[in-house]
Amino acid sequence: MVPAGCEVMSNLPEPELDLDLQFLPSWAKQAPSPNLYAKFTGEEGGGDNRRDGRRDRRPPPRRDGDRPQGARRPGSPGDRRDGGNRGPRDDRGHGGYARSEPSAPPREAPPPPTLNVVLMPDEKGVESIARQIKATGRAYPLFDIAQIILQKPERQQVKFEVIKKPDGTVVQPIFVCGLDETPWASEAEAVAHVLDQHFATFYQPEKTPAEPPKGTYTFVAQCGMSGVILGPPNYHDYQNQLRKLHAERFSRMAFEAFKSRVKFVKEEAVVKKWVEDLSWKTEYTTLNVPEPKRLFSREEVEKHFREVHLPNVIKQVESVKLTGPASREVKSPALQRLLRHAWEEQKRFPIKLVTILSQQFASRGLHFFKVNKTITHVSVARPHFLDLEATAVSDGVRKIVQFIAQHPRTTRRHLIEGLTSPVARPAAPTDAGAPAATPAAESQPTPEQAALISDLHWLIHQGHVIEFANGLMEMAKRPAPKPIRPEPAPKTEAKGQNAQNNVAGTEPAKPENGQPAAHETLAAPQSVAAEELARATAAMDSESPATESAPAASQSAPVESPEAEAAPKP
């Protein structure tokens, strides 16, 4: 039974509660007022509009062109409605925004030296990669190997060489400091380096008292970047010190930008230090000469070095060869820019490095072919079609060829699993004292697997099977039939012309970029796995190459990871 009064409450409408309205101000909660101008209709153009018999006193809307002369825009610097926030006064003393002075044009970087930079792979690294390719038999993209070499300086060698004109003269020489074998793009850079790093070898500085500057100074100028005290601006040697500091340490910065970084210091300790520095003068005594001589300024020291020591210390050469890490420590700014430009250019398209790589691989007995006429690969052999109908092969070789032909994009693991019996795993020991099977014993290949690996090794090294770096394998394709050449026309021309035509018609096409003639395959492999290429160059980063034990390690690979194994020796 429902209590009395509940029926009435249940029939009442539920109150609508809007939480957003509870946080609004009181004026926003009021109901909207009726439109007082609902009955008002007017004509466009600001005519004689009337409302309730009275003339409309509201002015017509004003356009920008109707603004009276001298009126201010709202929010302008002189408008009081913006809180009186006027702009800063300019140099003329009246209100308005300050005019910014035009900034100095950016200083262009000096052009790079006219030299040639050659990035080459390290000889030990190339030897390690060649051994890895011969041990595994896999084909690696040549451009990917070049990119791996460019990743670390330890895998590179850098050669700076001069450029000669047709008459044999050198466009720009290279200078080498004989004391530390550092290369330099100019003689001035080499001289500055010797006087900065090997000054004590040729000269001995000595301080002697001097007359301090006269007058009273309350502040001095100081370089905001180096902290060097330049002296008061009204001192007679101030401009010389300012330009000397800019030329010696900040020559790559515009002089006006360098001058703007100079600050004025009024601290008594800084002013006193400047006075004390000028109370002493430095003289230099020459060393390693038959008759010691006393010099009174750095300018005299540099002049003496150029006359006496420069021919024996700084040498002019035509080429300099450095290791990758040593090239990154080159102190010549010009050579640094040139090396950086060459490295970035090769990172975009390493054609020069690939050319050198192909020559070095070819000298080590490796071969090259192209996939789909685009991607050049390096391998132990060029693709060579195997015709089973015309060539007598063993049953194991025939099974491998047929399996790869019937299963596109197969791998070494798939081949072993498809053509050999599974390895019988030893049962788990029931007795606690029974010895457990070792992982090495479990991964040993069976005689059937070893025979299959041996046959596959022969097929790969003969070029009949191509195993790419990502593990995919395919058969070498049947070469396309050669087009039938038309019979030569009867020889009616002159003897010399006939000889020229014969040479032009029989001369073989020269390989591009010094590479051997390329063979082609029809199926494109997947992108090269990063770990496979890293394995090919792992020995480059270690002192002892890791590829010496690759054939031995391959004996335990067929079951656990046959894709990464190396084929046994033939």
Protein backbone atom coordinates (compact mmCIF):
# COMPACT_ATOMS: atom_id res chain seq x y z
CA MET A 1 0.00 0.00 0.00
CA VAL A 2 1.36 3.34 -0.98
CA PRO A 3 1.41 5.92 1.84
CA ALA A 4 -0.81 8.92 1.56
CA GLY A 5 0.66 11.79 -0.39
CA CYS A 6 3.01 9.70 -2.48
CA GLU A 7 0.63 9.62 -5.43
CA VAL A 8 0.76 13.40 -5.67
CA MET A 9 4.54 13.52 -5.54
CA SER A 10 4.89 10.89 -8.20
CA ASN A 11 2.75 12.88 -10.62
CA LEU A 12 4.90 16.03 -10.36
CA PRO A 13 7.40 16.63 -13.19
CA GLU A 14 11.06 15.99 -12.34
CA PRO A 15 13.08 19.19 -11.97
CA GLU A 16 15.64 19.83 -14.72
CA LEU A 17 19.12 20.42 -13.23
CA ASP A 18 21.85 21.96 -15.35
CA LEU A 19 25.15 22.00 -13.48
CA ASP A 20 26.64 24.48 -15.92
CA LEU A 21 24.09 27.13 -14.88
CA GLN A 22 25.00 26.78 -11.21
CA PHE A 23 28.42 28.34 -11.82
CA LEU A 24 27.21 31.29 -13.93
CA PRO A 25 26.83 34.83 -12.54
CA SER A 26 23.39 35.99 -11.47
CA TRP A 27 22.86 38.20 -14.50
CA ALA A 28 23.37 35.24 -16.81
CA LYS A 29 20.71 33.19 -15.02
CA GLN A 30 17.95 35.74 -15.77
CA ALA A 31 15.47 35.09 -18.56
CA PRO A 32 16.22 36.97 -21.76
CA SER A 33 14.35 40.29 -21.98
CA PRO A 34 11.87 40.80 -24.83
CA ASN A 35 13.13 42.47 -27.98
CA LEU A 36 12.22 46.14 -27.71
CA TYR A 37 12.82 46.69 -31.44
CA ALA A 38 10.83 43.75 -32.75
CA LYS A 39 8.31 46.04 -34.45
CA PHE A 40 10.92 48.38 -35.80
CA THR A 41 11.56 48.40 -39.57
CA GLY A 42 13.87 50.83 -41.23
CA GLU A 43 15.24 51.60 -44.66
CA GLU A 44 18.86 51.22 -45.69
CA GLY A 45 20.90 54.34 -46.29
CA GLY A 46 20.07 56.17 -43.04
CA GLY A 47 16.82 57.85 -44.24
CA ASP A 48 14.10 59.46 -42.13
CA ASN A 49 13.63 56.52 -39.81
CA ARG A 50 10.96 56.97 -37.14
CA ARG A 51 10.16 54.93 -34.09
CA ASP A 52 6.95 55.54 -32.10
CA GLY A 53 6.50 58.87 -33.93
CA ARG A 54 9.96 60.11 -32.98
CA ARG A 55 13.06 60.62 -35.13
CA ASP A 56 15.78 58.04 -34.61
CA ARG A 57 18.66 59.78 -32.90
CA ARG A 58 21.15 57.01 -33.46
CA PRO A 59 23.84 57.98 -35.95
CA PRO A 60 24.23 55.80 -39.04
CA PRO A 61 27.04 53.23 -39.01
CA ARG A 62 30.36 54.85 -39.83
CA ARG A 63 32.78 53.41 -42.34
CA ASP A 64 36.54 53.82 -42.24
CA GLY A 65 36.40 56.40 -44.98
CA ASP A 66 33.88 58.49 -43.02
CA ARG A 67 36.16 58.96 -40.00
CA PRO A 68 36.78 62.66 -39.37
CA GLN A 69 40.26 63.91 -40.06
CA GLY A 70 42.48 63.72 -37.00
CA ALA A 71 40.35 61.09 -35.21
CA ARG A 72 42.21 58.24 -33.54
CA ARG A 73 41.53 54.59 -34.00
CA PRO A 74 40.53 52.65 -30.87
CA GLY A 75 43.56 51.00 -29.34
CA SER A 76 46.01 53.44 -30.92
CA PRO A 77 48.97 54.69 -28.84
CA GLY A 78 47.12 57.96 -28.10
CA ASP A 79 43.76 56.39 -27.19
CA ARG A 80 42.93 56.61 -23.49
CA ARG A 81 40.60 53.63 -23.64
CA ASP A 82 43.49 51.20 -23.82
CA GLY A 83 44.52 52.09 -20.30
CA GLY A 84 46.90 54.84 -21.30
CA ASN A 85 49.41 52.30 -22.53
CA ARG A 86 51.49 54.41 -24.82
CA GLY A 87 54.41 53.14 -26.83
CA PRO A 88 57.98 53.95 -25.83
CA ARG A 89 59.39 57.27 -26.90
CA ASP A 90 61.65 57.29 -29.89
CA ASP A 91 64.93 59.13 -30.29
CA ARG A 92 63.17 62.38 -31.18
CA GLY A 93 61.58 62.68 -27.72
CA HIS A 94 57.85 62.50 -28.58
CA GLY A 95 55.35 59.67 -28.22
CA GLY A 96 55.18 56.75 -30.62
CA TYR A 97 56.78 53.37 -31.12
CA ALA A 98 60.56 53.23 -31.25
CA ARG A 99 61.99 52.56 -34.66
CA SER A 100 64.18 49.51 -34.88
CA GLU A 101 67.50 50.06 -36.56
CA PRO A 102 68.11 47.92 -39.63
CA SER A 103 70.14 44.88 -38.63
CA ALA A 104 73.47 44.27 -40.26
CA PRO A 105 73.33 41.85 -43.19
CA PRO A 106 74.42 38.32 -42.24
CA ARG A 107 78.01 37.60 -43.03
CA GLU A 108 78.42 35.00 -45.71
CA ALA A 109 80.55 31.97 -44.90
CA PRO A 110 83.87 31.92 -46.72
CA PRO A 111 83.96 29.62 -49.72
CA PRO A 112 85.44 26.15 -49.14
CA PRO A 113 89.00 25.55 -50.29
CA THR A 114 89.56 24.29 -53.80
CA LEU A 115 90.62 20.81 -52.78
CA ASN A 116 89.38 17.29 -53.41
CA VAL A 117 88.14 15.09 -50.55
CA VAL A 118 87.97 11.31 -50.99
CA LEU A 119 86.11 9.17 -48.46
CA MET A 120 87.46 5.61 -48.58
CA PRO A 121 86.62 2.46 -46.62
CA ASP A 122 89.16 1.20 -44.16
CA GLU A 123 91.32 -1.57 -45.63
CA LYS A 124 90.87 -3.90 -42.64
CA GLY A 125 87.12 -3.39 -42.72
CA VAL A 126 86.88 -4.25 -46.41
CA GLU A 127 88.90 -7.39 -45.81
CA SER A 128 86.56 -8.41 -42.96
CA ILE A 129 83.46 -7.86 -45.10
CA ALA A 130 84.97 -9.82 -47.99
CA ARG A 131 85.71 -12.78 -45.68
CA GLN A 132 82.16 -12.62 -44.32
CA ILE A 133 80.65 -12.66 -47.83
CA LYS A 134 82.82 -15.62 -48.86
CA ALA A 135 81.99 -17.54 -45.68
CA THR A 136 78.21 -17.04 -45.80
CA GLY A 137 77.80 -16.86 -49.58
CA ARG A 138 75.11 -14.20 -49.22
CA ALA A 139 74.64 -11.30 -51.62
CA TYR A 140 74.71 -7.82 -50.06
CA PRO A 141 73.54 -4.54 -51.63
CA LEU A 142 76.63 -2.50 -52.39
CA PHE A 143 75.04 0.84 -51.55
CA ASP A 144 73.86 -0.46 -48.17
CA ILE A 145 77.41 -1.48 -47.31
CA ALA A 146 78.56 2.02 -48.24
CA GLN A 147 75.96 3.55 -45.91
CA ILE A 148 77.14 1.32 -43.07
CA ILE A 149 80.73 2.46 -43.63
CA LEU A 150 79.62 6.10 -43.48
CA GLN A 151 77.96 5.60 -40.09
CA LYS A 152 81.18 5.46 -38.05
CA PRO A 153 84.52 7.25 -38.57
CA GLU A 154 86.39 4.07 -37.53
CA ARG A 155 85.28 2.45 -40.77
CA GLN A 156 86.60 5.22 -43.00
CA GLN A 157 89.74 6.84 -44.32
CA VAL A 158 89.90 10.41 -45.61
CA LYS A 159 92.23 11.77 -48.24
CA PHE A 160 92.72 15.46 -49.00
CA GLU A 161 94.37 16.05 -52.37
CA VAL A 162 95.11 19.09 -54.50
CA ILE A 163 93.49 19.91 -57.82
CA LYS A 164 95.78 20.65 -60.74
CA LYS A 165 95.18 22.81 -63.76
CA PRO A 166 95.75 21.49 -67.31
CA ASP A 167 99.24 22.98 -67.29
CA GLY A 168 100.14 21.06 -64.11
CA THR A 169 100.05 23.94 -61.64
CA VAL A 170 98.29 23.42 -58.31
CA VAL A 171 95.11 25.43 -57.75
CA GLN A 172 95.51 25.46 -53.95
CA PRO A 173 98.22 23.70 -51.95
CA ILE A 174 97.90 21.79 -48.69
CA PHE A 175 100.18 22.54 -45.74
CA VAL A 176 101.23 20.10 -43.02
CA CYS A 177 102.79 20.96 -39.66
CA GLY A 178 105.83 18.75 -39.23
CA LEU A 179 105.59 18.82 -35.43
CA ASP A 180 102.22 17.02 -35.16
CA GLU A 181 101.36 16.11 -38.82
CA THR A 182 98.17 18.21 -38.82
CA PRO A 183 96.90 19.40 -42.22
CA TRP A 184 95.98 23.01 -42.96
CA ALA A 185 94.32 24.74 -45.87
CA SER A 186 96.60 27.81 -45.82
CA GLU A 187 100.01 28.84 -44.62
CA ALA A 188 98.55 31.46 -42.27
CA GLU A 189 96.50 28.80 -40.47
CA ALA A 190 99.56 26.60 -40.05
CA VAL A 191 101.67 29.47 -38.67
CA ALA A 192 98.97 30.47 -36.19
CA HIS A 193 98.70 26.84 -35.05
CA VAL A 194 102.44 26.50 -34.43
CA LEU A 195 102.64 29.77 -32.48
CA ASP A 196 99.65 28.73 -30.40
CA GLN A 197 100.46 25.07 -29.65
CA HIS A 198 104.28 24.93 -29.97
CA PHE A 199 105.28 28.45 -28.92
CA ALA A 200 107.61 27.26 -26.12
CA THR A 201 109.64 25.26 -28.63
CA PHE A 202 110.90 28.40 -30.39
CA TYR A 203 110.43 31.36 -27.99
CA GLN A 204 110.58 32.10 -24.29
CA PRO A 205 108.40 34.96 -22.96
CA GLU A 206 109.69 37.24 -20.20
CA LYS A 207 107.82 40.06 -18.39
CA THR A 208 109.57 43.32 -17.58
CA PRO A 209 108.20 46.41 -15.75
CA ALA A 210 106.73 49.17 -17.88
CA GLU A 211 105.27 52.60 -17.30
CA PRO A 212 101.58 52.33 -16.35
CA PRO A 213 98.97 54.36 -18.25
CA LYS A 214 98.60 57.91 -17.02
CA GLY A 215 95.27 59.42 -16.01
CA THR A 216 92.27 58.32 -14.02
CA TYR A 217 89.93 55.72 -15.47
CA THR A 218 86.57 54.84 -13.91
CA PHE A 219 85.43 52.12 -16.31
CA VAL A 220 86.83 49.84 -19.00
CA ALA A 221 85.45 47.92 -21.95
CA GLN A 222 85.38 44.13 -21.72
CA CYS A 223 84.55 41.49 -24.34
CA GLY A 224 81.31 39.82 -23.37
CA MET A 225 82.32 36.48 -24.93
CA SER A 226 85.98 35.99 -24.01
CA GLY A 227 86.27 38.27 -20.95
CA VAL A 228 89.32 40.05 -22.36
CA ILE A 229 89.70 43.59 -20.97
CA LEU A 230 90.15 46.03 -23.85
CA GLY A 231 90.61 49.21 -21.81
CA PRO A 232 88.70 52.51 -21.72
CA PRO A 233 87.19 53.63 -25.01
CA ASN A 234 89.16 56.89 -24.83
CA TYR A 235 92.48 55.06 -24.49
CA HIS A 236 94.71 55.51 -27.53
CA ASP A 237 95.20 51.75 -28.09
CA TYR A 238 91.55 50.76 -27.60
CA GLN A 239 90.61 50.45 -31.29
CA ASN A 240 93.75 48.45 -32.05
CA GLN A 241 93.01 45.99 -29.24
CA LEU A 242 89.39 45.69 -30.34
CA ARG A 243 90.23 44.84 -33.94
CA LYS A 244 93.12 42.59 -32.94
CA LEU A 245 90.87 40.49 -30.69
CA HIS A 246 88.26 40.22 -33.44
CA ALA A 247 90.83 39.12 -36.02
CA GLU A 248 92.48 36.54 -33.77
CA ARG A 249 89.49 34.87 -32.11
CA PHE A 250 86.22 35.96 -33.70
CA SER A 251 87.04 36.52 -37.37
CA ARG A 252 84.04 34.46 -38.51
CA MET A 253 81.66 36.91 -36.81
CA ALA A 254 80.77 40.25 -38.35
CA PHE A 255 82.73 43.08 -36.74
CA GLU A 256 79.60 45.08 -35.87
CA ALA A 257 78.04 42.05 -34.21
CA PHE A 258 81.26 41.44 -32.27
CA LYS A 259 81.42 45.10 -31.25
CA SER A 260 77.86 44.98 -29.92
CA ARG A 261 78.90 42.25 -27.46
CA VAL A 262 81.42 44.56 -25.77
CA LYS A 263 80.25 45.73 -22.32
CA PHE A 264 81.45 48.52 -20.07
CA VAL A 265 82.45 47.57 -16.52
CA LYS A 266 82.79 50.06 -13.65
CA GLU A 267 84.07 47.63 -11.04
CA GLU A 268 87.22 48.89 -9.40
CA ALA A 269 88.88 45.46 -9.42
CA VAL A 270 88.49 45.09 -13.18
CA VAL A 271 89.86 48.59 -13.84
CA LYS A 272 92.78 47.90 -11.52
CA LYS A 273 93.58 44.66 -13.30
CA TRP A 274 93.75 46.45 -16.65
CA VAL A 275 96.16 49.01 -15.22
CA GLU A 276 98.36 46.28 -13.73
CA ASP A 277 98.46 44.40 -17.03
CA LEU A 278 99.75 47.51 -18.79
CA SER A 279 102.34 48.04 -16.05
CA TRP A 280 104.23 45.07 -17.47
CA LYS A 281 105.46 44.39 -20.95
CA THR A 282 106.32 41.00 -22.43
CA GLU A 283 109.50 40.38 -24.38
CA TYR A 284 110.48 37.19 -26.18
CA THR A 285 113.82 35.42 -26.44
CA THR A 286 114.44 33.18 -29.44
CA LEU A 287 115.36 29.52 -28.87
CA ASN A 288 116.93 26.81 -31.04
CA VAL A 289 118.95 29.36 -33.02
CA PRO A 290 122.74 29.91 -33.10
CA GLU A 291 122.47 33.48 -31.82
CA PRO A 292 119.59 34.26 -29.40
CA LYS A 293 117.67 37.39 -30.19
CA ARG A 294 115.25 39.53 -28.19
CA LEU A 295 111.86 40.43 -29.68
CA PHE A 296 109.42 42.99 -28.25
CA SER A 297 106.00 42.07 -29.70
CA ARG A 298 104.04 39.19 -31.14
CA GLU A 299 104.24 40.76 -34.56
CA GLU A 300 108.04 40.54 -34.40
CA VAL A 301 107.77 36.95 -33.20
CA GLU A 302 105.63 35.93 -36.19
CA LYS A 303 107.93 37.71 -38.60
CA HIS A 304 110.98 35.98 -37.12
CA PHE A 305 109.25 32.57 -37.29
CA ARG A 306 108.41 33.00 -40.96
CA GLU A 307 111.99 33.97 -41.79
CA VAL A 308 113.82 31.33 -39.73
CA HIS A 309 111.63 28.32 -38.85
CA LEU A 310 108.80 28.17 -41.38
CA PRO A 311 110.66 26.28 -44.18
CA ASN A 312 111.65 23.52 -41.74
CA VAL A 313 108.40 23.21 -39.80
CA ILE A 314 105.61 23.72 -42.33
CA LYS A 315 105.66 21.67 -45.53
CA GLN A 316 103.61 22.02 -48.70
CA VAL A 317 102.20 18.70 -49.94
CA GLU A 318 99.84 17.48 -52.64
CA SER A 319 97.84 14.97 -50.58
CA VAL A 320 97.22 13.96 -46.98
CA LYS A 321 95.68 10.65 -45.89
CA LEU A 322 94.08 10.37 -42.45
CA THR A 323 92.15 7.76 -40.54
CA GLY A 324 88.46 8.39 -39.90
CA PRO A 325 88.83 9.43 -36.22
CA ALA A 326 91.85 11.62 -37.02
CA SER A 327 89.91 13.37 -39.79
CA ARG A 328 87.23 14.38 -37.27
CA GLU A 329 89.93 16.09 -35.19
CA VAL A 330 91.16 18.35 -38.00
CA LYS A 331 91.54 21.86 -36.57
CA SER A 332 91.53 23.77 -39.83
CA PRO A 333 88.09 25.43 -40.17
CA ALA A 334 88.32 25.36 -43.96
CA LEU A 335 89.12 21.64 -44.08
CA GLN A 336 86.37 20.95 -41.54
CA ARG A 337 83.77 22.59 -43.77
CA LEU A 338 85.08 20.75 -46.82
CA LEU A 339 85.00 17.37 -45.05
CA ARG A 340 81.50 17.98 -43.71
CA HIS A 341 80.24 18.88 -47.17
CA ALA A 342 81.79 15.74 -48.69
CA TRP A 343 80.33 13.50 -45.97
CA GLU A 344 76.82 14.93 -46.38
CA GLU A 345 77.05 14.54 -50.15
CA GLN A 346 78.02 10.86 -49.83
CA LYS A 347 75.25 10.23 -47.29
CA ARG A 348 72.72 11.36 -49.87
CA PHE A 349 74.20 9.28 -52.69
CA PRO A 350 77.48 7.41 -52.01
CA ILE A 351 78.44 6.83 -55.63
CA LYS A 352 82.13 7.71 -55.08
CA LEU A 353 82.44 5.40 -52.11
CA VAL A 354 80.63 2.62 -53.99
CA THR A 355 83.09 2.96 -56.87
CA ILE A 356 86.04 2.46 -54.52
CA LEU A 357 84.27 -0.43 -52.76
CA SER A 358 83.61 -2.23 -56.03
CA GLN A 359 87.28 -1.98 -57.01
CA GLN A 360 88.43 -3.30 -53.64
CA PHE A 361 85.90 -6.16 -53.63
CA ALA A 362 86.80 -7.12 -57.20
CA SER A 363 90.48 -7.33 -56.26
CA ARG A 364 89.49 -9.84 -53.55
CA GLY A 365 87.66 -12.15 -55.96
CA LEU A 366 84.05 -11.04 -55.40
CA HIS A 367 81.53 -10.48 -58.18
CA PHE A 368 78.62 -8.13 -58.87
CA PHE A 369 75.15 -8.37 -60.36
CA LYS A 370 72.01 -6.25 -60.44
CA VAL A 371 68.49 -7.02 -59.28
CA ASN A 372 65.82 -5.70 -61.66
CA LYS A 373 68.49 -3.59 -63.34
CA THR A 374 68.61 -1.24 -60.35
CA ILE A 375 70.22 -2.53 -57.13
CA THR A 376 73.83 -3.67 -57.39
CA HIS A 377 74.76 -6.63 -55.16
CA VAL A 378 78.13 -8.12 -54.30
CA SER A 379 78.46 -11.87 -53.90
CA VAL A 380 80.84 -14.79 -54.26
CA ALA A 381 79.64 -15.55 -57.80
CA ARG A 382 77.58 -14.07 -60.60
CA PRO A 383 74.16 -15.65 -61.23
CA HIS A 384 74.55 -18.70 -63.51
CA PHE A 385 71.51 -20.61 -64.70
CA LEU A 386 71.50 -24.36 -63.99
CA ASP A 387 69.71 -26.39 -66.64
CA LEU A 388 68.73 -29.66 -64.97
CA GLU A 389 67.85 -31.25 -68.30
CA ALA A 390 71.27 -30.62 -69.80
CA THR A 391 73.41 -31.00 -66.67
CA ALA A 392 73.90 -34.13 -64.61
CA VAL A 393 73.57 -33.37 -60.90
CA SER A 394 73.04 -35.42 -57.76
CA ASP A 395 69.63 -36.12 -56.29
CA GLY A 396 70.29 -33.76 -53.38
CA VAL A 397 71.12 -30.87 -55.70
CA ARG A 398 68.08 -31.62 -57.86
CA LYS A 399 65.78 -31.57 -54.80
CA ILE A 400 67.14 -28.23 -53.65
CA VAL A 401 66.66 -26.66 -57.08
CA GLN A 402 63.13 -28.00 -57.43
CA PHE A 403 62.15 -26.90 -53.90
CA ILE A 404 63.37 -23.33 -54.43
CA ALA A 405 61.63 -23.17 -57.81
CA GLN A 406 58.34 -24.39 -56.33
CA HIS A 407 58.49 -22.23 -53.18
CA PRO A 408 59.20 -18.57 -54.02
CA ARG A 409 60.74 -16.42 -51.29
CA THR A 410 61.99 -19.43 -49.37
CA THR A 411 64.74 -19.33 -46.77
CA ARG A 412 67.43 -21.68 -45.56
CA ARG A 413 65.25 -22.69 -42.60
CA HIS A 414 62.32 -23.53 -44.88
CA LEU A 415 64.62 -25.53 -47.12
CA ILE A 416 66.02 -27.59 -44.26
CA GLU A 417 62.59 -28.17 -42.71
CA GLY A 418 61.07 -29.14 -46.05
CA LEU A 419 63.76 -31.55 -47.31
CA THR A 420 65.09 -33.19 -44.14
CA SER A 421 63.59 -35.11 -41.30
CA PRO A 422 63.04 -33.26 -38.00
CA VAL A 423 65.69 -33.65 -35.35
CA ALA A 424 64.66 -36.05 -32.59
CA ARG A 425 64.84 -34.23 -29.28
CA PRO A 426 66.09 -36.27 -26.31
CA ALA A 427 63.43 -37.08 -23.73
CA ALA A 428 63.38 -35.17 -20.53
CA PRO A 429 65.30 -36.98 -17.78
CA THR A 430 63.07 -38.77 -15.27
CA ASP A 431 65.81 -39.37 -12.77
CA ALA A 432 67.14 -36.38 -10.89
CA GLY A 433 70.66 -37.68 -11.28
CA ALA A 434 70.48 -38.18 -15.05
CA PRO A 435 72.53 -35.64 -17.05
CA ALA A 436 70.56 -33.10 -19.06
CA ALA A 437 71.19 -32.64 -22.77
CA THR A 438 73.39 -29.68 -23.57
CA PRO A 439 72.26 -26.98 -26.05
CA ALA A 440 75.26 -27.74 -28.25
CA ALA A 441 74.25 -31.36 -28.56
CA GLU A 442 70.68 -30.41 -29.44
CA SER A 443 71.77 -28.03 -32.23
CA GLN A 444 74.18 -30.40 -33.98
CA PRO A 445 73.00 -31.07 -37.58
CA THR A 446 72.14 -34.55 -38.64
CA PRO A 447 74.06 -36.26 -41.47
CA GLU A 448 71.10 -35.61 -43.76
CA GLN A 449 71.13 -31.88 -42.92
CA ALA A 450 74.90 -31.70 -43.31
CA ALA A 451 74.64 -33.19 -46.81
CA LEU A 452 71.93 -30.71 -47.76
CA ILE A 453 74.00 -27.78 -46.46
CA SER A 454 76.99 -29.00 -48.46
CA ASP A 455 74.94 -29.18 -51.67
CA LEU A 456 73.47 -25.73 -51.02
CA HIS A 457 76.97 -24.36 -50.42
CA TRP A 458 78.06 -25.66 -53.83
CA LEU A 459 75.01 -24.19 -55.58
CA ILE A 460 75.56 -20.75 -54.01
CA HIS A 461 79.27 -20.58 -54.80
CA GLN A 462 78.59 -21.64 -58.39
CA GLY A 463 76.00 -18.89 -58.80
CA HIS A 464 73.07 -21.26 -59.38
CA VAL A 465 71.32 -20.17 -56.15
CA ILE A 466 71.29 -16.61 -54.84
CA GLU A 467 70.90 -16.11 -51.08
CA PHE A 468 70.29 -12.47 -50.24
CA ALA A 469 71.27 -10.69 -47.04
CA ASN A 470 67.72 -10.94 -45.65
CA GLY A 471 67.76 -14.74 -46.01
CA LEU A 472 65.57 -15.08 -49.12
CA MET A 473 66.79 -17.43 -51.83
CA GLU A 474 66.02 -17.75 -55.51
CA MET A 475 67.37 -19.56 -58.52
CA ALA A 476 69.39 -17.86 -61.24
CA LYS A 477 67.10 -17.16 -64.18
CA ARG A 478 67.52 -18.51 -67.64
CA PRO A 479 69.26 -15.86 -69.76
CA ALA A 480 67.18 -14.27 -72.48
CA PRO A 481 68.04 -15.36 -76.02
CA LYS A 482 70.40 -13.06 -77.81
CA PRO A 483 68.88 -11.11 -80.71
CA ILE A 484 69.89 -12.22 -84.17
CA ARG A 485 72.22 -9.71 -85.73
CA PRO A 486 71.74 -8.87 -89.40
CA GLU A 487 74.43 -9.95 -91.77
CA PRO A 488 77.08 -7.29 -92.33
CA ALA A 489 76.90 -5.32 -95.56
CA PRO A 490 79.59 -5.94 -98.18
CA LYS A 491 82.80 -4.06 -97.55
CA THR A 492 82.89 -1.25 -100.07
CA GLU A 493 84.37 1.51 -97.96
CA ALA A 494 87.95 2.47 -97.45
CA LYS A 495 90.25 0.26 -95.42
CA GLY A 496 90.68 2.78 -92.65
CA GLN A 497 86.93 3.32 -92.39
CA ASN A 498 86.31 -0.45 -92.27
CA ALA A 499 88.81 -0.83 -89.46
CA GLN A 500 87.11 1.93 -87.50
CA ASN A 501 83.67 0.33 -87.96
CA ASN A 502 84.98 -3.09 -86.92
CA VAL A 503 86.46 -1.68 -83.72
CA ALA A 504 83.29 0.21 -82.90
CA GLY A 505 81.12 -2.86 -83.49
CA THR A 506 83.20 -5.39 -81.55
CA GLU A 507 84.41 -3.36 -78.57
CA PRO A 508 82.66 -4.60 -75.40
CA ALA A 509 80.75 -2.12 -73.27
CA LYS A 510 82.87 -0.77 -70.49
CA PRO A 511 81.52 -1.23 -66.99
CA GLU A 512 80.21 1.86 -65.29
CA ASN A 513 82.20 3.33 -62.39
CA GLY A 514 84.89 0.70 -62.79
CA GLN A 515 82.55 -2.16 -61.81
CA PRO A 516 82.56 -5.54 -63.59
CA ALA A 517 79.80 -6.41 -66.01
CA ALA A 518 76.54 -6.82 -64.05
CA HIS A 519 74.16 -9.77 -64.25
CA GLU A 520 70.47 -9.46 -63.55
CA THR A 521 67.79 -11.41 -61.75
CA LEU A 522 64.06 -11.13 -62.16
CA ALA A 523 62.72 -11.32 -58.62
CA ALA A 524 63.40 -8.46 -56.25
CA PRO A 525 64.20 -9.46 -52.65
CA GLN A 526 62.82 -7.80 -49.55
CA SER A 527 64.60 -4.90 -47.94
CA VAL A 528 67.89 -5.95 -46.38
CA ALA A 529 67.63 -6.71 -42.69
CA ALA A 530 69.66 -4.34 -40.54
CA GLU A 531 71.07 -7.13 -38.37
CA GLU A 532 72.45 -8.97 -41.40
CA LEU A 533 74.36 -5.94 -42.65
CA ALA A 534 75.50 -5.19 -39.12
CA ARG A 535 76.89 -8.74 -38.92
CA ALA A 536 78.77 -8.18 -42.17
CA THR A 537 80.56 -5.16 -40.69
CA ALA A 538 80.79 -6.23 -37.05
CA ALA A 539 84.44 -7.12 -37.45
CA MET A 540 85.22 -3.56 -38.52
CA ASP A 541 84.56 -2.25 -34.98
CA SER A 542 86.69 -4.85 -33.18
CA GLU A 543 90.42 -5.43 -33.17
CA SER A 544 90.12 -9.18 -33.81
CA PRO A 545 87.85 -10.05 -36.77
CA ALA A 546 84.92 -12.25 -35.77
CA THR A 547 84.52 -13.84 -39.18
CA GLU A 548 87.42 -16.31 -38.84
CA SER A 549 85.18 -18.76 -36.97
CA ALA A 550 82.15 -18.35 -39.25
CA PRO A 551 82.48 -21.70 -41.05
CA ALA A 552 82.94 -23.59 -37.78
CA ALA A 553 79.99 -21.83 -36.15
CA SER A 554 77.76 -22.75 -39.06
CA GLN A 555 77.85 -26.42 -38.13
CA SER A 556 75.41 -25.77 -35.25
CA ALA A 557 73.06 -23.44 -37.07
CA PRO A 558 70.64 -25.50 -39.24
CA VAL A 559 68.12 -26.27 -36.52
CA GLU A 560 68.21 -23.25 -34.24
CA SER A 561 68.71 -20.39 -36.75
CA PRO A 562 69.59 -21.70 -40.21
CA GLU A 563 68.94 -18.26 -41.73
CA ALA A 564 71.99 -16.79 -40.03
CA GLU A 565 74.42 -19.68 -40.54
CA ALA A 566 77.44 -19.77 -42.79
CA ALA A 567 77.79 -22.54 -45.33
CA PRO A 568 80.57 -25.11 -44.66
CA LYS A 569 83.71 -25.10 -46.69
CA PRO A 570 83.43 -26.85 -50.08
